[in-house]
Amino acid sequence: MSRWERFKEVVDRLHPSNLLYSTYEARLLAELDPDRLPRHVAVQADGNRRWAKLNAPHQPLLTGYRAGGEKIAEFCDWCDEVGIQVVTLWVLSTDNFKRSGEDEVGPILVAIRELVDRLVRHPDWRVKAVGDPSLLPDDFADHLREAEAATAGRAGMHINIAVGYGGRHELRDAVRSLLADESAKGNTLEHLAETLEIDQISGHLYTKGQPDPDLIIRTSGEQRMSGFLMWQSAHSEFYFCEALWPDFRKVDFIRALRSYAARERRYGR
């Protein structure tokens, strides 16, 4: 964020209506129990295109995707503020490649690249791409790998950017990786069939080594998961919000956290 953007944000917050709203946000934040907050929050940031059609009908769709990227950067700040350890952001699905032409996927990739560059500039955050890189243009996939390498040693919040991601693709890739590992060890398929354990599969997912998402948020009024984190979400809590993603507010985020904290997590028991 530039100096001018910070100055404008401060001025906006000093406006009486915004000051009242900020006070309300602060009160809600103060009421949260830190011991009942999720470690890992995942988001289906849905509604950018619809937002653009409603709010910038004569502008290119990139306007909506850029607005969504700005909201993601804000969202990461909110998560960091309350101590969330891991954030997963689904920004481009495998289905986007099937149903969208290059004229639509191109602007999405531009907005994602701008977002990644913005996240990398934060001194503490670690950025990791999760998805199928073979679906992406070579230069874009290289850029994601460079972002991972540049932030790999950081100890702050871990941010997964799910780009070219599909739940079925992830499970396919996990099985392929598992089979390749077992073959390299000299094990047969018969041996694997007899000895395979759940943790072995988990160890080959895109998010291996990370805690599963405690809370998954989806915006734009859609109430389905669309294959998002199919394996990892077995015991996740879900929160659906009517707001289109660029309109998602900090108070909406706090309400999602309050809803999560109020639930009794049974883990199937």
Protein backbone atom coordinates (compact mmCIF):
# COMPACT_ATOMS: atom_id res chain seq x y z
CA MET A 1 0.00 0.00 0.00
CA SER A 2 1.39 3.42 -1.01
CA ARG A 3 1.67 6.44 1.30
CA TRP A 4 -1.24 8.07 -0.48
CA GLU A 5 -3.40 4.97 -0.05
CA ARG A 6 -2.55 4.85 3.66
CA PHE A 7 -3.32 8.55 4.04
CA LYS A 8 -6.65 8.15 2.22
CA GLU A 9 -7.53 5.18 4.41
CA VAL A 10 -6.84 7.20 7.56
CA VAL A 11 -8.92 10.13 6.28
CA ASP A 12 -11.78 7.82 5.32
CA ARG A 13 -11.75 6.23 8.75
CA LEU A 14 -12.01 9.65 10.41
CA HIS A 15 -15.29 10.34 8.64
CA PRO A 16 -18.06 10.16 11.31
CA SER A 17 -19.91 7.23 9.70
CA ASN A 18 -16.68 5.29 9.12
CA LEU A 19 -15.44 6.10 12.62
CA LEU A 20 -18.65 4.64 14.06
CA TYR A 21 -18.26 1.56 11.89
CA SER A 22 -14.62 1.15 12.95
CA THR A 23 -15.68 1.37 16.58
CA TYR A 24 -18.24 -1.36 15.96
CA GLU A 25 -15.59 -3.55 14.30
CA ALA A 26 -13.21 -3.00 17.21
CA ARG A 27 -15.89 -3.99 19.70
CA LEU A 28 -16.67 -7.20 17.81
CA LEU A 29 -12.95 -8.03 17.59
CA ALA A 30 -12.51 -7.48 21.31
CA GLU A 31 -15.31 -9.98 22.00
CA LEU A 32 -13.57 -12.81 20.12
CA ASP A 33 -12.01 -15.53 22.25
CA PRO A 34 -8.46 -16.10 20.90
CA ASP A 35 -8.59 -19.71 22.09
CA ARG A 36 -11.60 -20.45 19.87
CA LEU A 37 -10.30 -18.99 16.63
CA PRO A 38 -9.41 -21.20 13.65
CA ARG A 39 -5.77 -21.92 12.82
CA HIS A 40 -6.48 -22.31 9.11
CA VAL A 41 -9.10 -20.31 7.18
CA ALA A 42 -9.85 -21.11 3.53
CA VAL A 43 -11.84 -18.88 1.19
CA GLN A 44 -13.71 -19.35 -2.05
CA ALA A 45 -13.50 -15.72 -3.21
CA ASP A 46 -16.54 -15.88 -5.46
CA GLY A 47 -18.41 -13.08 -7.24
CA ASN A 48 -15.73 -10.91 -8.84
CA ARG A 49 -17.24 -11.07 -12.33
CA ARG A 50 -20.76 -10.38 -11.10
CA TRP A 51 -19.42 -7.48 -9.05
CA ALA A 52 -17.81 -6.00 -12.17
CA LYS A 53 -21.03 -6.30 -14.17
CA LEU A 54 -22.97 -4.51 -11.42
CA ASN A 55 -20.44 -1.88 -10.42
CA ALA A 56 -18.38 -1.28 -13.57
CA PRO A 57 -20.57 -2.45 -16.48
CA HIS A 58 -18.60 -0.52 -19.10
CA GLN A 59 -15.19 -1.51 -17.77
CA PRO A 60 -13.21 -4.65 -18.70
CA LEU A 61 -13.67 -7.68 -16.46
CA LEU A 62 -10.13 -7.11 -15.17
CA THR A 63 -11.67 -4.33 -13.05
CA GLY A 64 -13.63 -6.91 -11.05
CA TYR A 65 -10.70 -9.27 -10.67
CA ARG A 66 -8.46 -6.43 -9.51
CA ALA A 67 -11.10 -5.40 -6.97
CA GLY A 68 -11.15 -9.02 -5.80
CA GLY A 69 -7.36 -9.03 -5.51
CA GLU A 70 -7.41 -5.88 -3.40
CA LYS A 71 -9.98 -7.49 -1.12
CA ILE A 72 -7.82 -10.60 -0.77
CA ALA A 73 -4.88 -8.45 0.35
CA GLU A 74 -7.17 -6.79 2.91
CA PHE A 75 -8.45 -10.18 4.01
CA CYS A 76 -4.91 -11.39 4.64
CA ASP A 77 -4.30 -8.33 6.81
CA TRP A 78 -7.43 -9.16 8.83
CA CYS A 79 -6.32 -12.77 9.27
CA ASP A 80 -2.86 -11.70 10.37
CA GLU A 81 -4.38 -9.24 12.84
CA VAL A 82 -6.25 -11.97 14.72
CA GLY A 83 -3.43 -14.53 14.54
CA ILE A 84 -4.61 -16.93 11.83
CA GLN A 85 -1.67 -19.19 10.96
CA VAL A 86 -2.68 -20.46 7.51
CA VAL A 87 -4.89 -18.92 4.82
CA THR A 88 -5.90 -20.69 1.60
CA LEU A 89 -7.37 -18.56 -1.18
CA TRP A 90 -9.04 -20.20 -4.19
CA VAL A 91 -8.55 -17.72 -7.01
CA LEU A 92 -8.66 -19.85 -10.18
CA SER A 93 -10.18 -23.29 -10.62
CA THR A 94 -9.59 -26.00 -13.17
CA ASP A 95 -13.20 -25.46 -14.27
CA ASN A 96 -12.35 -21.85 -15.18
CA PHE A 97 -10.11 -23.22 -17.93
CA LYS A 98 -12.91 -25.43 -19.26
CA ARG A 99 -15.74 -22.90 -19.38
CA SER A 100 -13.84 -19.64 -19.97
CA GLY A 101 -12.06 -18.44 -23.05
CA GLU A 102 -8.56 -17.01 -23.13
CA ASP A 103 -10.07 -13.51 -23.16
CA GLU A 104 -11.40 -14.16 -19.64
CA VAL A 105 -8.66 -16.33 -18.14
CA GLY A 106 -6.02 -13.81 -19.25
CA PRO A 107 -7.37 -10.95 -17.08
CA ILE A 108 -7.74 -13.31 -14.12
CA LEU A 109 -4.06 -14.28 -14.42
CA VAL A 110 -3.07 -10.60 -14.63
CA ALA A 111 -4.96 -9.85 -11.40
CA ILE A 112 -3.52 -12.93 -9.65
CA ARG A 113 0.02 -11.97 -10.63
CA GLU A 114 -0.51 -8.47 -9.22
CA LEU A 115 -1.92 -10.00 -6.05
CA VAL A 116 0.99 -12.39 -5.61
CA ASP A 117 3.48 -9.54 -6.04
CA ARG A 118 1.62 -7.58 -3.39
CA LEU A 119 1.61 -10.46 -0.92
CA VAL A 120 5.31 -11.14 -1.49
CA ARG A 121 6.14 -7.56 -0.51
CA HIS A 122 4.89 -8.21 3.03
CA PRO A 123 8.04 -8.94 5.07
CA ASP A 124 6.60 -11.81 7.13
CA TRP A 125 4.21 -13.75 4.93
CA ARG A 126 5.08 -17.00 3.21
CA VAL A 127 3.37 -17.55 -0.15
CA LYS A 128 2.81 -20.97 -1.74
CA ALA A 129 0.97 -21.87 -4.95
CA VAL A 130 -1.28 -24.94 -4.77
CA GLY A 131 -2.73 -26.40 -7.93
CA ASP A 132 -1.73 -27.97 -11.21
CA PRO A 133 1.06 -25.82 -12.72
CA SER A 134 0.79 -27.64 -16.05
CA LEU A 135 -2.48 -25.78 -16.68
CA LEU A 136 -0.76 -22.40 -16.41
CA PRO A 137 1.35 -20.48 -18.91
CA ASP A 138 5.03 -21.27 -18.36
CA ASP A 139 6.01 -17.71 -17.44
CA PHE A 140 3.16 -17.49 -14.94
CA ALA A 141 4.06 -20.82 -13.31
CA ASP A 142 7.69 -19.64 -13.11
CA HIS A 143 6.55 -16.43 -11.42
CA LEU A 144 4.68 -18.42 -8.77
CA ARG A 145 7.73 -20.58 -8.12
CA GLU A 146 9.85 -17.44 -7.73
CA ALA A 147 7.36 -16.06 -5.22
CA GLU A 148 7.55 -19.29 -3.21
CA ALA A 149 11.34 -19.24 -3.23
CA ALA A 150 11.49 -15.56 -2.22
CA THR A 151 9.25 -16.12 0.82
CA ALA A 152 10.25 -19.67 1.82
CA GLY A 153 12.29 -18.64 4.88
CA ARG A 154 9.64 -16.43 6.44
CA ALA A 155 8.06 -17.40 9.74
CA GLY A 156 4.81 -15.44 9.56
CA MET A 157 1.39 -16.32 8.19
CA HIS A 158 1.36 -19.00 5.48
CA ILE A 159 -0.74 -18.09 2.44
CA ASN A 160 -1.77 -20.73 -0.10
CA ILE A 161 -2.80 -19.33 -3.48
CA ALA A 162 -4.99 -22.01 -5.09
CA VAL A 163 -4.56 -21.32 -8.81
CA GLY A 164 -5.30 -23.93 -11.45
CA TYR A 165 -6.78 -25.84 -8.53
CA GLY A 166 -9.43 -28.57 -8.56
CA GLY A 167 -10.19 -31.05 -5.80
CA ARG A 168 -10.23 -34.02 -8.16
CA HIS A 169 -6.98 -32.87 -9.76
CA GLU A 170 -5.41 -32.71 -6.31
CA LEU A 171 -6.47 -36.25 -5.42
CA ARG A 172 -5.28 -37.52 -8.80
CA ASP A 173 -1.90 -35.86 -8.30
CA ALA A 174 -1.66 -37.20 -4.75
CA VAL A 175 -2.27 -40.76 -5.94
CA ARG A 176 0.25 -40.37 -8.77
CA SER A 177 2.86 -39.05 -6.34
CA LEU A 178 2.16 -41.83 -3.85
CA LEU A 179 2.45 -44.54 -6.50
CA ALA A 180 5.70 -43.06 -7.81
CA ASP A 181 7.18 -43.00 -4.30
CA GLU A 182 6.20 -46.57 -3.59
CA SER A 183 7.60 -47.71 -6.93
CA ALA A 184 10.90 -45.93 -6.17
CA LYS A 185 11.07 -47.88 -2.91
CA GLY A 186 10.61 -51.12 -4.81
CA ASN A 187 7.16 -51.82 -3.36
CA THR A 188 4.50 -53.60 -5.41
CA LEU A 189 0.89 -52.55 -5.93
CA GLU A 190 -0.15 -55.58 -3.90
CA HIS A 191 2.00 -54.41 -0.99
CA LEU A 192 0.57 -50.89 -1.23
CA ALA A 193 -3.00 -52.19 -1.33
CA GLU A 194 -2.39 -54.13 1.89
CA THR A 195 -0.53 -51.43 3.79
CA LEU A 196 -1.95 -48.10 2.57
CA GLU A 197 -2.95 -45.74 5.39
CA ILE A 198 -4.82 -42.44 5.33
CA ASP A 199 -1.80 -40.41 6.42
CA GLN A 200 0.12 -41.66 3.39
CA ILE A 201 -2.40 -39.99 1.11
CA SER A 202 -2.42 -36.80 3.19
CA GLY A 203 1.34 -36.64 2.81
CA HIS A 204 1.00 -36.23 -0.96
CA LEU A 205 -1.64 -33.47 -1.08
CA TYR A 206 -0.80 -29.96 -2.25
CA THR A 207 -1.12 -28.81 1.39
CA LYS A 208 0.96 -31.60 2.93
CA GLY A 209 2.39 -30.71 6.32
CA GLN A 210 -0.25 -28.05 6.96
CA PRO A 211 -3.24 -28.24 9.31
CA ASP A 212 -6.55 -28.91 7.57
CA PRO A 213 -8.85 -25.87 7.25
CA ASP A 214 -10.93 -25.28 10.37
CA LEU A 215 -13.18 -22.73 8.66
CA ILE A 216 -14.11 -22.40 4.97
CA ILE A 217 -15.82 -19.22 3.80
CA ARG A 218 -17.66 -18.86 0.49
CA THR A 219 -19.06 -15.58 -0.74
CA SER A 220 -21.67 -14.50 -3.34
CA GLY A 221 -24.53 -16.56 -1.90
CA GLU A 222 -23.42 -19.87 -3.39
CA GLN A 223 -23.77 -22.79 -0.95
CA ARG A 224 -21.69 -25.56 -2.46
CA MET A 225 -18.02 -26.49 -2.24
CA SER A 226 -17.36 -27.17 -5.94
CA GLY A 227 -14.58 -29.63 -5.05
CA PHE A 228 -12.60 -27.20 -2.90
CA LEU A 229 -10.18 -29.01 -0.57
CA MET A 230 -12.21 -32.20 -0.84
CA TRP A 231 -9.89 -34.28 1.34
CA GLN A 232 -8.90 -31.58 3.82
CA SER A 233 -12.43 -30.32 4.52
CA ALA A 234 -13.77 -33.53 6.09
CA HIS A 235 -14.17 -31.83 9.48
CA SER A 236 -14.20 -28.17 8.41
CA GLU A 237 -16.88 -25.71 9.48
CA PHE A 238 -18.52 -23.74 6.65
CA TYR A 239 -19.70 -20.14 6.51
CA PHE A 240 -21.65 -18.81 3.52
CA CYS A 241 -22.01 -15.09 2.92
CA GLU A 242 -24.33 -13.32 0.46
CA ALA A 243 -21.83 -10.54 -0.35
CA LEU A 244 -19.94 -10.66 -3.62
CA TRP A 245 -16.26 -11.04 -2.81
CA PRO A 246 -15.14 -7.42 -3.48
CA ASP A 247 -17.96 -6.29 -1.14
CA PHE A 248 -16.92 -8.66 1.67
CA ARG A 249 -16.27 -6.49 4.73
CA LYS A 250 -14.16 -6.89 7.81
CA VAL A 251 -17.34 -7.13 9.85
CA ASP A 252 -18.43 -10.07 7.66
CA PHE A 253 -15.12 -11.76 8.45
CA ILE A 254 -15.57 -11.14 12.17
CA ARG A 255 -19.09 -12.57 12.01
CA ALA A 256 -17.69 -15.68 10.32
CA LEU A 257 -15.18 -16.04 13.17
CA ARG A 258 -17.93 -15.54 15.77
CA SER A 259 -20.06 -18.18 14.07
CA TYR A 260 -17.13 -20.58 14.07
CA ALA A 261 -16.31 -19.91 17.73
CA ALA A 262 -19.92 -20.60 18.74
CA ARG A 263 -19.97 -24.07 17.20
CA GLU A 264 -19.16 -27.28 19.00
CA ARG A 265 -16.74 -29.20 16.81
CA ARG A 266 -17.49 -32.91 17.14
CA TYR A 267 -15.17 -34.31 14.43
CA GLY A 268 -17.78 -36.92 13.54
CA ARG A 269 -18.41 -37.96 17.13
